[in-house]
Amino acid sequence: MLYRWTRELHLYFGLFVSPFLLLFGVSVFFLNHAKVAVDRWTSVDTVRDVRVPASLELLRGREAVDRAREMLPQLGVTGEIGFTRVVTATRHFVFPVSRPGMETTVDLDLDARSAVVSRRATSVLEAFAYLHKMPGPHNVALRGNWVWTQGWRWFADATVYLTMFLTLSGIYLWYAIKAERRIGLAMAAAGAVTFFGLIYAVIS
């Protein structure tokens, strides 16, 4: 009974998680080898008469992000706000907004109440890389300020847990088939030697 249930779950969970594993796998090649011109804007627009929250330049952290998010519908922008920055000398409030397929920078003139919105369309592989990195370990207090990023966090975590299950259930299924034990043991040993050899080479 245990073998049958493990085999079925291994099969169907593997099928479910396979698109996510493919996304993470392909995006690693892009992150390691791609060169992206991040300053080549697809469009640059100016939005005037922006309703700016009171004392926006005094806010920091998640509170500043939440107030900046209130302005996004006026600017025609959606996505995850990465951070906020106040340029005191010119009284500008700047923040990037990202989502798969589009990167945007908003440069808000607090006195003129106008915003320069610079957009850069991204490729499918860049979108994969964005999903690979999000929500990520950086700026934890700010991450997940876009509803779709919050949802993606659950799928990213689920991918890790299901991969762990597939690994452990795969070991169990291999051990349960006596005819495969010898070759399986040889492959596991080869993988372990390779892994620890690489670790030793990196840290030595």
Foldseek 3Di string as FASTA:
>chain_A
DVLVVLVVCLVVLCVVLVVVVVLLVLLVCCVVDPDDDPPPFPDKDKQAPFDQDPPLLVDAAQVNVVRVVVRCVSVVDDAAWDGWDADVVQRWIWIWGDAQQKIWIWIARPVRRMIIITMHGDDNSVNSNVLNCPPHDPSVSRGPPHVVSVVSVVSVVVSVVSVVSSVVSVVVNQVVDVVNVVVVVVVVVVVVCVVVVVVVVVPD
